[in-house]
Amino acid sequence: MVRTRTAVPHPRRWPLRLALALAALAVCLVFGITTATARGSLGPHEARFDVTTDSTITVDVGPLGTLQLASPAPLGLGVRATVGEIPRGVTDLSQAATLQALGQDLDQYIAFFSGTRATIHQVLLALAEDAARRTAGALLVLAAAGFGLRALLGRRRRGELGQALAPHTHQIVGSGLVAVLVVTVVTASLNPATSATTESVAVSSVFDGTPLEGARITGRLGGIVDTYSGQILAAYRTNEEFYASATSSLTAAWAHWQRSGEPLVGPTATAGATAAPDPAASPQPSSSTTTATTLLPTTEPVTMVLVSDLHCNVGMAPVIRELVELSGAQLVVDAGDTTINGTSVEEQCVRTFADAVPDGVRLVAVAGNHDSSVTEAAYAKAGAIVLAGGVQTIDGIRFFGDADPNQTLFGQSASTRTETETEAGDRIAQDVCDADDVDVLLIHNPRVGRAALDTGCVPAVLSGHLHTRTDPVQVGDGVRYISSSTAGAQAGQPTLGPLHGTAELTVLRWNPSTRAFISWQLVTVSTDATARVADPQVWPTIAATTPQASATPTPEPSGGD
């Protein structure tokens, strides 16, 4: 019998191969990190971000100069942001006069200051992803080159070279690694696109007390900042003080409700018992929802906070977080219009809202008519569950949702989708019935959800869009709840900065045993930064529809923005 011998690599070759692999990995990592680049936004501007090795965060505004901050990154790494233009889609939304357009830009700068952490987080994540891609690409190139060289040399020649080089393994690998690392770092540092200015300038006091405290300003930018920064920083500080006061007021109002209110609704519950109604708010909850007695669930209820029409008002982010923590909510439900125009520069808003959701709390969202596919992608990337035409079971609740059929991009009048409201409503109704056992339909425009309610295939529909709340009412064979704007959005008024109208949030409690909502509880923040917590209201029981009721259907809600 002929025996075959399995080739076993020479023991002395393993150190060489391992050393070469580690050296290749180190080189590719250095290359990937030091050449990483990403695109994002700074305030209303598009920007390009490049990794540098000068321990500085540099914002480059071209001939005007730079703004420099010490980088918190290790190993001498920094970032250079090259600021571009404000996207045309943002400035062409309407026939605004120049001063109005500048006012809109000011709002975006305030949002940038308020959401600095979200911007930094977004940029670092994008750079890390690009660094990983470049590292993987470099490894593939080196591997391909290695296998190509191996094939060219042939087995015999490789054996001869291996024997000749084996005694010098450590020296060869060490010297090669040092040389390549030095060349890579020097090349990255001297790249004209990423090299930071070495100009020595004093620290500017303009940004004291802001996230940019300690910044150095070079060139003409210093004079511009000195001249115009007062308006921006004053608006920023006013904004921060307003929402800090609103958050504190919410904490106090919730504590007062817990002392004087009931955790679940009884037949005598009334809304707004602790404060007079705000004339700027949506209509107060009607008494028709308080006639039923609420039964305690056999299992712990699922609590969710419903928000809608945030329109990039990042000032409300800490208020939302506070309510989620106070209520013990397991879910935050966003009924759409998270942004103003669905542009890429508004990804910062999306990230800020996503970061406001505490760890362990799920975020569920649908896109509204002011959002876009860019918004959906940003929300999903930030960890949200974006409903886009399917069923998702979250904390035991079967949600169905889809983007608004009137979804537009950059405020254009033409829809980016191909369905009308009626067509989308009919399709969603059919999909909900086909899915079976859907608990909640989440759709931005309540008119789109009407067909699903008429079929009786879904017991509850949550929506927004109208900027005016409608108490939960039976429509068809289900219950519809329309949330008002959580940004206090008012026609003709910006949503950024202190509230121009009353902001509304709703705490919903859902019974896993009966697979139905138990109660809804209204929380408002007024234009004077005072918060009010109403008593919970009983969620309506669905009654069997009669021929007379079918003959006089509930009027369709009008309006919307």
Protein backbone atom coordinates (compact mmCIF):
# COMPACT_ATOMS: atom_id res chain seq x y z
CA MET A 1 0.00 0.00 0.00
CA VAL A 2 1.35 3.40 -0.94
CA ARG A 3 1.25 5.99 1.83
CA THR A 4 0.99 9.68 1.08
CA ARG A 5 2.69 12.25 3.28
CA THR A 6 0.83 15.37 4.26
CA ALA A 7 2.96 18.44 3.82
CA VAL A 8 3.57 20.13 7.17
CA PRO A 9 4.87 23.69 7.20
CA HIS A 10 8.31 24.06 8.62
CA PRO A 11 8.05 25.03 12.31
CA ARG A 12 10.29 28.04 11.80
CA ARG A 13 7.96 29.47 9.17
CA TRP A 14 5.08 30.01 11.61
CA PRO A 15 6.69 32.94 13.42
CA LEU A 16 7.38 34.60 10.09
CA ARG A 17 3.83 34.10 8.83
CA LEU A 18 2.29 35.28 12.08
CA ALA A 19 4.55 38.31 12.18
CA LEU A 20 3.72 39.18 8.57
CA ALA A 21 -0.02 38.84 9.27
CA LEU A 22 0.19 41.09 12.32
CA ALA A 23 2.29 43.60 10.43
CA ALA A 24 -0.19 43.64 7.54
CA LEU A 25 -3.09 44.13 9.95
CA ALA A 26 -1.31 46.98 11.74
CA VAL A 27 -0.45 48.72 8.49
CA CYS A 28 -4.00 48.37 7.18
CA LEU A 29 -5.43 49.71 10.43
CA VAL A 30 -3.18 52.74 10.34
CA PHE A 31 -4.04 53.32 6.70
CA GLY A 32 -7.77 52.88 7.30
CA ILE A 33 -7.92 55.18 10.33
CA THR A 34 -5.68 57.97 9.07
CA THR A 35 -7.36 58.17 5.66
CA ALA A 36 -10.96 57.83 6.85
CA THR A 37 -13.41 60.42 5.56
CA ALA A 38 -17.14 61.03 5.88
CA ARG A 39 -19.82 63.49 4.84
CA GLY A 40 -22.32 65.01 7.22
CA SER A 41 -23.59 68.36 8.39
CA LEU A 42 -22.63 71.28 10.60
CA GLY A 43 -25.69 73.36 11.38
CA PRO A 44 -27.35 74.08 8.01
CA HIS A 45 -24.13 73.33 6.09
CA GLU A 46 -23.00 70.18 4.36
CA ALA A 47 -19.48 69.26 5.45
CA ARG A 48 -16.70 66.77 4.77
CA PHE A 49 -14.83 65.23 7.71
CA ASP A 50 -11.30 63.82 7.46
CA VAL A 51 -9.19 62.17 10.13
CA THR A 52 -5.91 63.95 10.92
CA THR A 53 -2.97 63.18 13.19
CA ASP A 54 -2.55 66.63 14.74
CA SER A 55 -4.66 66.16 17.93
CA THR A 56 -6.97 68.96 16.79
CA ILE A 57 -10.57 69.29 15.68
CA THR A 58 -10.47 71.89 12.93
CA VAL A 59 -13.49 73.47 11.24
CA ASP A 60 -12.31 74.92 7.93
CA VAL A 61 -14.49 77.62 6.35
CA GLY A 62 -12.15 78.30 3.45
CA PRO A 63 -10.70 81.79 3.02
CA LEU A 64 -12.42 83.00 6.17
CA GLY A 65 -10.17 80.88 8.38
CA THR A 66 -10.62 78.03 10.85
CA LEU A 67 -12.01 77.18 14.24
CA GLN A 68 -9.82 74.82 16.26
CA LEU A 69 -10.50 72.68 19.33
CA ALA A 70 -8.31 70.21 21.17
CA SER A 71 -9.27 66.69 20.10
CA PRO A 72 -10.32 64.18 22.78
CA ALA A 73 -9.29 61.28 20.53
CA PRO A 74 -6.29 59.14 21.57
CA LEU A 75 -3.01 58.58 19.69
CA GLY A 76 -2.86 62.15 18.41
CA LEU A 77 -5.88 61.71 16.15
CA GLY A 78 -8.01 64.67 15.17
CA VAL A 79 -10.70 65.62 12.66
CA ARG A 80 -10.82 68.31 10.00
CA ALA A 81 -14.27 69.50 8.93
CA THR A 82 -14.40 71.29 5.61
CA VAL A 83 -17.62 73.31 5.59
CA GLY A 84 -19.61 73.42 2.37
CA GLU A 85 -22.70 75.27 1.25
CA ILE A 86 -26.19 75.19 2.67
CA PRO A 87 -28.06 72.67 0.45
CA ARG A 88 -30.19 74.32 -2.17
CA GLY A 89 -33.17 72.23 -1.09
CA VAL A 90 -33.11 73.92 2.31
CA THR A 91 -33.02 77.47 0.97
CA ASP A 92 -35.51 77.00 -1.87
CA LEU A 93 -38.47 75.92 0.24
CA SER A 94 -40.41 79.12 -0.22
CA GLN A 95 -40.19 82.64 -1.54
CA ALA A 96 -38.70 83.84 1.75
CA ALA A 97 -37.07 87.23 1.91
CA THR A 98 -33.37 87.43 2.71
CA LEU A 99 -33.86 88.26 6.38
CA GLN A 100 -36.35 85.40 6.75
CA ALA A 101 -33.86 83.01 5.18
CA LEU A 102 -31.16 84.20 7.54
CA GLY A 103 -33.56 83.64 10.42
CA GLN A 104 -34.03 80.05 9.28
CA ASP A 105 -30.26 79.61 9.16
CA LEU A 106 -30.02 80.99 12.70
CA ASP A 107 -32.47 78.34 13.85
CA GLN A 108 -30.27 75.66 12.30
CA TYR A 109 -27.20 77.02 14.12
CA ILE A 110 -29.14 76.93 17.39
CA ALA A 111 -30.04 73.32 16.65
CA PHE A 112 -26.36 72.59 16.01
CA PHE A 113 -25.33 74.01 19.38
CA SER A 114 -28.18 72.20 21.14
CA GLY A 115 -27.34 68.90 19.47
CA THR A 116 -23.55 69.07 19.44
CA ARG A 117 -23.20 65.66 21.06
CA ALA A 118 -25.43 64.08 18.42
CA THR A 119 -23.37 65.72 15.66
CA ILE A 120 -20.08 64.46 17.13
CA HIS A 121 -21.52 60.98 17.67
CA GLN A 122 -22.81 60.86 14.10
CA VAL A 123 -19.49 62.03 12.64
CA LEU A 124 -17.38 59.63 14.71
CA LEU A 125 -19.62 56.72 13.78
CA ALA A 126 -19.40 57.58 10.09
CA LEU A 127 -15.60 57.92 10.30
CA ALA A 128 -15.30 54.61 12.14
CA GLU A 129 -17.37 52.86 9.48
CA ASP A 130 -15.26 54.36 6.70
CA ALA A 131 -12.06 53.40 8.55
CA ALA A 132 -13.31 49.81 8.84
CA ARG A 133 -14.13 49.70 5.13
CA ARG A 134 -10.73 51.10 4.18
CA THR A 135 -8.95 48.69 6.52
CA ALA A 136 -10.83 45.74 5.06
CA GLY A 137 -10.11 46.96 1.54
CA ALA A 138 -6.42 47.34 2.28
CA LEU A 139 -6.30 43.82 3.75
CA LEU A 140 -7.95 42.43 0.63
CA VAL A 141 -5.42 44.24 -1.58
CA LEU A 142 -2.50 42.94 0.48
CA ALA A 143 -3.93 39.43 0.48
CA ALA A 144 -4.44 39.51 -3.28
CA ALA A 145 -0.91 40.83 -3.77
CA GLY A 146 0.46 38.13 -1.48
CA PHE A 147 -1.30 35.31 -3.29
CA GLY A 148 -0.29 36.76 -6.65
CA LEU A 149 3.35 36.95 -5.61
CA ARG A 150 3.12 33.42 -4.24
CA ALA A 151 1.83 32.12 -7.55
CA LEU A 152 4.51 33.97 -9.52
CA LEU A 153 7.38 32.66 -7.41
CA GLY A 154 6.31 29.05 -7.48
CA ARG A 155 6.74 26.43 -4.78
CA ARG A 156 10.43 25.77 -5.31
CA ARG A 157 11.47 29.42 -5.31
CA ARG A 158 9.36 30.11 -2.22
CA GLY A 159 11.12 27.30 -0.38
CA GLU A 160 14.52 28.69 -1.24
CA LEU A 161 13.58 32.20 -0.16
CA GLY A 162 12.04 30.91 3.04
CA GLN A 163 15.19 29.05 4.02
CA ALA A 164 17.34 32.08 3.24
CA LEU A 165 15.18 34.55 5.17
CA ALA A 166 14.21 32.37 8.15
CA PRO A 167 17.26 33.31 10.28
CA HIS A 168 16.40 37.02 9.85
CA THR A 169 12.65 36.89 10.51
CA HIS A 170 12.51 39.32 13.41
CA GLN A 171 14.78 41.91 11.84
CA ILE A 172 12.97 41.89 8.50
CA VAL A 173 9.46 42.10 9.91
CA GLY A 174 10.33 44.69 12.54
CA SER A 175 12.15 46.97 10.11
CA GLY A 176 9.42 46.68 7.49
CA LEU A 177 6.67 47.42 9.98
CA VAL A 178 8.40 50.50 11.36
CA ALA A 179 9.11 51.82 7.87
CA VAL A 180 5.56 51.35 6.64
CA LEU A 181 4.02 52.87 9.77
CA VAL A 182 6.24 55.92 9.53
CA VAL A 183 5.45 56.42 5.84
CA THR A 184 1.71 55.97 6.41
CA VAL A 185 1.50 58.40 9.33
CA VAL A 186 3.65 61.02 7.65
CA THR A 187 1.65 60.74 4.44
CA ALA A 188 -1.63 61.17 6.30
CA SER A 189 -0.31 64.13 8.29
CA LEU A 190 1.01 65.94 5.26
CA ASN A 191 -2.07 65.43 3.12
CA PRO A 192 -3.10 68.95 2.04
CA ALA A 193 -6.77 68.02 2.47
CA THR A 194 -6.37 67.08 6.11
CA SER A 195 -3.42 69.02 7.44
CA ALA A 196 -4.33 71.50 10.13
CA THR A 197 -2.96 74.95 10.39
CA THR A 198 -0.05 75.38 12.74
CA GLU A 199 -0.83 79.00 13.32
CA SER A 200 -0.64 79.79 17.02
CA VAL A 201 -3.65 81.76 18.19
CA ALA A 202 -5.16 82.54 21.53
CA VAL A 203 -8.24 80.80 22.86
CA SER A 204 -11.41 82.75 22.03
CA SER A 205 -13.68 83.68 24.92
CA VAL A 206 -16.69 84.05 22.62
CA PHE A 207 -17.78 80.44 23.14
CA ASP A 208 -17.37 80.30 26.91
CA GLY A 209 -20.17 78.29 28.45
CA THR A 210 -21.03 76.49 25.19
CA PRO A 211 -19.95 73.12 23.75
CA LEU A 212 -17.26 75.00 21.77
CA GLU A 213 -15.59 76.49 24.85
CA GLY A 214 -11.81 76.63 24.41
CA ALA A 215 -11.92 77.06 20.63
CA ARG A 216 -9.27 79.02 18.74
CA ILE A 217 -10.28 81.06 15.70
CA THR A 218 -7.94 81.96 12.85
CA GLY A 219 -8.19 84.35 9.92
CA ARG A 220 -11.12 86.62 9.17
CA LEU A 221 -13.48 84.17 10.81
CA GLY A 222 -12.45 85.64 14.16
CA GLY A 223 -13.78 89.08 13.25
CA ILE A 224 -17.01 87.63 11.87
CA VAL A 225 -17.57 85.55 15.00
CA ASP A 226 -16.85 88.51 17.26
CA THR A 227 -19.36 90.61 15.33
CA TYR A 228 -22.23 88.18 14.82
CA SER A 229 -21.80 85.43 17.40
CA GLY A 230 -23.62 87.41 20.07
CA GLN A 231 -26.97 86.92 18.35
CA ILE A 232 -26.44 83.17 17.86
CA LEU A 233 -25.11 82.55 21.36
CA ALA A 234 -27.82 84.66 22.99
CA ALA A 235 -30.45 82.65 21.11
CA TYR A 236 -28.69 79.42 22.07
CA ARG A 237 -28.60 80.30 25.76
CA THR A 238 -32.24 81.41 25.70
CA ASN A 239 -33.13 78.11 24.07
CA GLU A 240 -31.19 76.08 26.65
CA GLU A 241 -32.74 77.97 29.57
CA PHE A 242 -36.26 77.56 28.18
CA TYR A 243 -36.09 73.80 27.79
CA ALA A 244 -34.21 73.32 31.06
CA SER A 245 -37.07 75.18 32.75
CA ALA A 246 -39.63 73.10 30.83
CA THR A 247 -37.93 69.86 31.93
CA SER A 248 -37.88 70.98 35.56
CA SER A 249 -41.53 72.01 35.33
CA LEU A 250 -42.44 68.59 33.93
CA THR A 251 -40.68 66.86 36.81
CA ALA A 252 -42.61 68.95 39.33
CA ALA A 253 -45.93 68.52 37.50
CA TRP A 254 -45.51 64.74 37.35
CA ALA A 255 -44.71 64.58 41.07
CA HIS A 256 -47.79 66.68 41.82
CA TRP A 257 -49.98 64.38 39.71
CA GLN A 258 -48.60 61.29 41.45
CA ARG A 259 -49.46 62.79 44.84
CA SER A 260 -52.98 63.88 43.88
CA GLY A 261 -53.96 61.72 40.92
CA GLU A 262 -54.72 58.07 40.36
CA PRO A 263 -52.45 55.68 38.44
CA LEU A 264 -55.40 54.30 36.46
CA VAL A 265 -58.63 55.97 35.43
CA GLY A 266 -61.85 55.77 37.38
CA PRO A 267 -65.30 57.01 36.38
CA THR A 268 -64.77 60.46 37.95
CA ALA A 269 -61.42 61.30 36.32
CA THR A 270 -61.18 64.69 34.65
CA ALA A 271 -58.39 66.20 32.65
CA GLY A 272 -56.58 69.33 33.63
CA ALA A 273 -57.76 69.22 37.24
CA THR A 274 -54.52 70.66 38.54
CA ALA A 275 -54.30 73.68 36.26
CA ALA A 276 -56.43 75.96 34.13
CA PRO A 277 -56.55 75.05 30.43
CA ASP A 278 -54.11 76.75 28.12
CA PRO A 279 -55.98 78.65 25.38
CA ALA A 280 -53.15 77.87 22.95
CA ALA A 281 -53.48 74.13 23.52
CA SER A 282 -55.55 71.66 21.55
CA PRO A 283 -59.10 71.12 22.84
CA GLN A 284 -59.18 69.53 26.29
CA PRO A 285 -60.06 65.82 26.54
CA SER A 286 -63.78 65.25 26.31
CA SER A 287 -65.71 63.80 29.23
CA SER A 288 -67.17 61.05 27.01
CA THR A 289 -64.07 58.95 27.56
CA THR A 290 -64.39 58.92 31.35
CA THR A 291 -67.70 57.07 31.73
CA ALA A 292 -66.24 53.55 31.76
CA THR A 293 -64.49 51.91 34.67
CA THR A 294 -60.92 50.73 34.08
CA LEU A 295 -60.05 47.23 35.21
CA LEU A 296 -56.60 46.41 36.51
CA PRO A 297 -54.70 44.25 34.01
CA THR A 298 -53.68 40.76 35.05
CA THR A 299 -50.15 41.51 33.83
CA GLU A 300 -47.98 44.61 33.99
CA PRO A 301 -49.16 47.11 31.34
CA VAL A 302 -46.89 48.28 28.57
CA THR A 303 -46.37 52.05 28.74
CA MET A 304 -45.45 54.13 25.73
CA VAL A 305 -44.89 57.83 25.04
CA LEU A 306 -46.41 59.06 21.78
CA VAL A 307 -44.84 62.05 20.00
CA SER A 308 -45.50 63.54 16.58
CA ASP A 309 -44.51 66.40 14.29
CA LEU A 310 -41.24 67.16 16.08
CA HIS A 311 -40.02 69.13 13.05
CA CYS A 312 -36.41 69.20 14.23
CA ASN A 313 -37.16 70.99 17.52
CA VAL A 314 -34.24 69.31 19.31
CA GLY A 315 -34.94 71.43 22.39
CA MET A 316 -37.78 69.01 23.20
CA ALA A 317 -35.38 66.04 23.34
CA PRO A 318 -34.60 66.37 27.08
CA VAL A 319 -38.31 66.90 27.82
CA ILE A 320 -39.17 63.68 25.99
CA ARG A 321 -36.44 61.81 27.86
CA GLU A 322 -37.69 63.12 31.20
CA LEU A 323 -41.26 62.00 30.49
CA VAL A 324 -40.08 58.55 29.38
CA GLU A 325 -38.13 58.12 32.62
CA LEU A 326 -40.91 59.51 34.83
CA SER A 327 -43.60 57.33 33.26
CA GLY A 328 -41.43 54.22 33.15
CA ALA A 329 -42.25 53.82 29.45
CA GLN A 330 -40.91 50.84 27.55
CA LEU A 331 -41.61 52.41 24.15
CA VAL A 332 -41.37 55.78 22.43
CA VAL A 333 -43.64 56.01 19.38
CA ASP A 334 -42.92 58.72 16.79
CA ALA A 335 -45.84 59.31 14.41
CA GLY A 336 -43.76 61.15 11.81
CA ASP A 337 -42.57 64.55 10.58
CA THR A 338 -39.45 64.26 12.69
CA THR A 339 -37.64 66.69 10.37
CA ILE A 340 -38.58 69.86 8.53
CA ASN A 341 -37.54 68.99 4.98
CA GLY A 342 -36.02 65.50 5.08
CA THR A 343 -32.57 66.77 4.08
CA SER A 344 -29.22 65.18 4.92
CA VAL A 345 -28.25 68.08 7.20
CA GLU A 346 -31.22 67.18 9.42
CA GLU A 347 -29.74 63.80 10.33
CA GLN A 348 -28.44 65.62 13.42
CA CYS A 349 -32.04 66.17 14.53
CA VAL A 350 -32.87 62.51 14.05
CA ARG A 351 -29.80 61.43 16.02
CA THR A 352 -30.61 63.89 18.83
CA PHE A 353 -34.13 62.48 19.23
CA ALA A 354 -32.86 58.91 19.09
CA ASP A 355 -30.20 59.66 21.71
CA ALA A 356 -32.89 61.15 23.97
CA VAL A 357 -34.50 57.72 24.32
CA PRO A 358 -33.03 56.05 27.43
CA ASP A 359 -31.13 52.78 27.14
CA GLY A 360 -33.44 49.79 27.12
CA VAL A 361 -36.39 51.75 25.70
CA ARG A 362 -37.46 50.91 22.16
CA LEU A 363 -38.07 53.66 19.59
CA VAL A 364 -40.72 53.01 16.90
CA ALA A 365 -41.27 55.46 14.06
CA VAL A 366 -42.90 56.10 10.70
CA ALA A 367 -42.00 58.75 8.16
CA GLY A 368 -44.29 61.74 7.65
CA ASN A 369 -44.80 63.99 4.66
CA HIS A 370 -41.92 66.26 5.77
CA ASP A 371 -39.57 63.31 6.17
CA SER A 372 -37.79 61.36 3.44
CA SER A 373 -35.93 58.14 2.76
CA VAL A 374 -32.89 59.97 4.18
CA THR A 375 -34.79 60.47 7.45
CA GLU A 376 -35.84 56.82 7.57
CA ALA A 377 -32.27 55.64 6.98
CA ALA A 378 -30.91 57.98 9.65
CA TYR A 379 -33.49 56.83 12.20
CA ALA A 380 -32.80 53.16 11.46
CA LYS A 381 -29.06 53.77 11.74
CA ALA A 382 -29.64 55.42 15.12
CA GLY A 383 -31.37 52.28 16.39
CA ALA A 384 -35.04 53.07 15.76
CA ILE A 385 -37.50 50.50 14.43
CA VAL A 386 -38.79 52.21 11.28
CA LEU A 387 -42.10 50.80 10.08
CA ALA A 388 -42.20 50.71 6.29
CA GLY A 389 -45.05 48.50 5.20
CA GLY A 390 -44.90 45.52 7.51
CA VAL A 391 -45.68 44.13 10.96
CA GLN A 392 -43.23 44.41 13.84
CA THR A 393 -43.92 42.81 17.22
CA ILE A 394 -42.46 45.10 19.88
CA ASP A 395 -42.89 44.37 23.58
CA GLY A 396 -45.72 42.03 22.64
CA ILE A 397 -47.59 44.67 20.58
CA ARG A 398 -48.08 43.96 16.87
CA PHE A 399 -47.45 47.28 15.09
CA PHE A 400 -48.15 47.92 11.41
CA GLY A 401 -46.95 51.15 9.80
CA ASP A 402 -45.82 52.77 6.59
CA ALA A 403 -44.46 56.08 5.32
CA ASP A 404 -46.82 58.89 4.39
CA PRO A 405 -47.90 58.76 0.71
CA ASN A 406 -47.37 62.53 0.49
CA GLN A 407 -43.75 62.16 1.57
CA THR A 408 -41.72 64.84 -0.19
CA LEU A 409 -38.08 65.72 -0.41
CA PHE A 410 -36.73 69.21 0.24
CA GLY A 411 -40.24 70.68 0.46
CA GLN A 412 -41.01 70.10 -3.20
CA SER A 413 -44.66 70.07 -4.20
CA ALA A 414 -44.39 66.73 -5.99
CA SER A 415 -44.56 63.56 -3.91
CA THR A 416 -41.63 61.13 -4.01
CA ARG A 417 -44.13 58.25 -3.76
CA THR A 418 -46.58 57.06 -6.40
CA GLU A 419 -49.78 56.54 -4.38
CA THR A 420 -52.55 58.93 -3.48
CA GLU A 421 -53.89 59.03 0.08
CA THR A 422 -56.86 56.90 -0.94
CA GLU A 423 -54.73 54.33 -2.76
CA ALA A 424 -52.28 54.08 0.14
CA GLY A 425 -55.16 53.76 2.62
CA ASP A 426 -56.77 50.93 0.64
CA ARG A 427 -53.47 49.08 0.27
CA ILE A 428 -52.63 49.43 3.97
CA ALA A 429 -56.12 48.26 4.94
CA GLN A 430 -55.68 45.15 2.81
CA ASP A 431 -52.19 44.52 4.20
CA VAL A 432 -53.43 44.90 7.77
CA CYS A 433 -56.25 42.42 7.18
CA ASP A 434 -53.85 39.98 5.51
CA ALA A 435 -51.38 40.30 8.39
CA ASP A 436 -54.09 39.37 10.95
CA ASP A 437 -54.02 40.22 14.66
CA VAL A 438 -52.51 43.71 14.19
CA ASP A 439 -52.85 45.65 17.46
CA VAL A 440 -51.84 49.16 16.39
CA LEU A 441 -51.60 50.92 13.03
CA LEU A 442 -49.07 53.77 13.14
CA ILE A 443 -49.49 56.16 10.22
CA HIS A 444 -48.65 59.86 10.02
CA ASN A 445 -51.74 61.06 8.17
CA PRO A 446 -54.98 59.96 9.90
CA ARG A 447 -56.90 60.10 6.62
CA VAL A 448 -54.70 57.27 5.30
CA GLY A 449 -55.67 55.08 8.27
CA ARG A 450 -59.45 55.49 7.82
CA ALA A 451 -59.90 52.50 5.47
CA ALA A 452 -58.18 50.16 7.92
CA LEU A 453 -60.53 51.29 10.71
CA ASP A 454 -63.56 50.67 8.50
CA THR A 455 -62.49 47.08 7.85
CA GLY A 456 -62.37 46.24 11.54
CA CYS A 457 -58.98 44.59 11.05
CA VAL A 458 -57.17 46.93 13.46
CA PRO A 459 -58.50 48.12 16.84
CA ALA A 460 -56.38 51.30 17.15
CA VAL A 461 -54.75 53.84 14.85
CA LEU A 462 -52.17 56.38 16.09
CA SER A 463 -51.30 59.36 13.90
CA GLY A 464 -50.36 63.05 13.83
CA HIS A 465 -50.02 65.48 10.91
CA LEU A 466 -52.88 67.84 11.78
CA HIS A 467 -51.04 69.66 14.62
CA THR A 468 -54.33 69.45 16.53
CA ARG A 469 -55.19 66.63 18.88
CA THR A 470 -58.36 64.62 18.55
CA ASP A 471 -59.38 62.58 21.60
CA PRO A 472 -59.50 58.85 20.96
CA VAL A 473 -62.83 58.29 19.23
CA GLN A 474 -64.39 55.28 17.59
CA VAL A 475 -64.18 55.42 13.81
CA GLY A 476 -65.63 52.47 11.95
CA ASP A 477 -64.74 49.38 13.96
CA GLY A 478 -61.67 50.82 15.66
CA VAL A 479 -60.43 53.77 17.72
CA ARG A 480 -58.44 56.66 16.25
CA TYR A 481 -56.13 58.97 18.21
CA ILE A 482 -54.57 62.00 16.51
CA SER A 483 -51.62 63.52 18.36
CA SER A 484 -50.88 67.22 18.22
CA SER A 485 -47.38 68.56 17.54
CA THR A 486 -44.74 67.75 20.15
CA ALA A 487 -42.76 70.70 18.78
CA GLY A 488 -45.55 73.20 19.41
CA ALA A 489 -45.60 73.75 15.64
CA GLN A 490 -47.68 76.74 14.54
CA ALA A 491 -48.43 77.87 11.00
CA GLY A 492 -45.88 80.38 9.74
CA GLN A 493 -43.64 80.00 12.81
CA PRO A 494 -40.29 78.20 13.08
CA THR A 495 -40.27 75.09 15.25
CA LEU A 496 -36.75 75.63 16.55
CA GLY A 497 -36.08 77.81 19.57
CA PRO A 498 -38.51 78.34 22.48
CA LEU A 499 -42.03 77.06 21.81
CA HIS A 500 -44.34 79.14 19.65
CA GLY A 501 -47.31 76.95 20.57
CA THR A 502 -48.22 74.34 23.14
CA ALA A 503 -46.30 71.07 22.75
CA GLU A 504 -48.20 67.87 23.48
CA LEU A 505 -47.06 64.37 24.40
CA THR A 506 -49.26 61.40 25.27
CA VAL A 507 -48.61 58.56 27.70
CA LEU A 508 -50.44 55.42 26.54
CA ARG A 509 -50.86 52.24 28.59
CA TRP A 510 -51.59 48.90 26.90
CA ASN A 511 -52.94 45.72 28.49
CA PRO A 512 -51.11 42.58 27.26
CA SER A 513 -53.93 40.39 28.61
CA THR A 514 -56.74 41.98 26.61
CA ARG A 515 -54.45 43.21 23.81
CA ALA A 516 -56.00 46.67 24.04
CA PHE A 517 -55.15 50.14 25.30
CA ILE A 518 -56.13 50.89 28.88
CA SER A 519 -55.74 54.65 29.04
CA TRP A 520 -54.25 57.76 27.54
CA GLN A 521 -52.73 60.63 29.49
CA LEU A 522 -52.02 64.09 28.09
CA VAL A 523 -48.84 65.99 28.97
CA THR A 524 -48.39 69.55 27.70
CA VAL A 525 -45.63 72.16 27.71
CA SER A 526 -46.78 75.74 27.17
CA THR A 527 -45.05 78.73 25.63
CA ASP A 528 -44.08 79.94 29.11
CA ALA A 529 -42.17 76.66 29.72
CA THR A 530 -44.72 75.38 32.23
CA ALA A 531 -45.73 71.72 32.02
CA ARG A 532 -49.09 70.19 32.89
CA VAL A 533 -49.90 66.54 33.52
CA ALA A 534 -53.57 65.60 33.11
CA ASP A 535 -55.20 62.60 34.74
CA PRO A 536 -55.30 59.44 32.60
CA GLN A 537 -58.44 58.92 30.54
CA VAL A 538 -60.14 55.62 29.77
CA TRP A 539 -59.47 54.34 26.27
CA PRO A 540 -62.85 53.95 24.55
CA THR A 541 -64.41 50.50 24.28
CA ILE A 542 -65.23 49.58 20.69
CA ALA A 543 -68.99 49.29 20.27
CA ALA A 544 -70.70 47.32 17.54
CA THR A 545 -71.60 49.59 14.65
CA THR A 546 -75.26 49.95 13.68
CA PRO A 547 -76.75 50.59 10.23
CA GLN A 548 -77.64 54.11 11.38
CA ALA A 549 -74.04 54.76 12.41
CA SER A 550 -72.76 53.40 9.13
CA ALA A 551 -75.09 55.73 7.27
CA THR A 552 -73.61 58.76 9.05
CA PRO A 553 -69.85 58.10 9.11
CA THR A 554 -67.43 60.14 11.18
CA PRO A 555 -66.29 63.20 9.18
CA GLU A 556 -62.77 63.03 7.84
CA PRO A 557 -60.31 65.34 9.62
CA SER A 558 -59.09 68.26 7.56
CA GLY A 559 -55.90 70.27 7.50
CA GLY A 560 -52.38 69.12 8.10
CA ASP A 561 -48.85 70.35 7.49
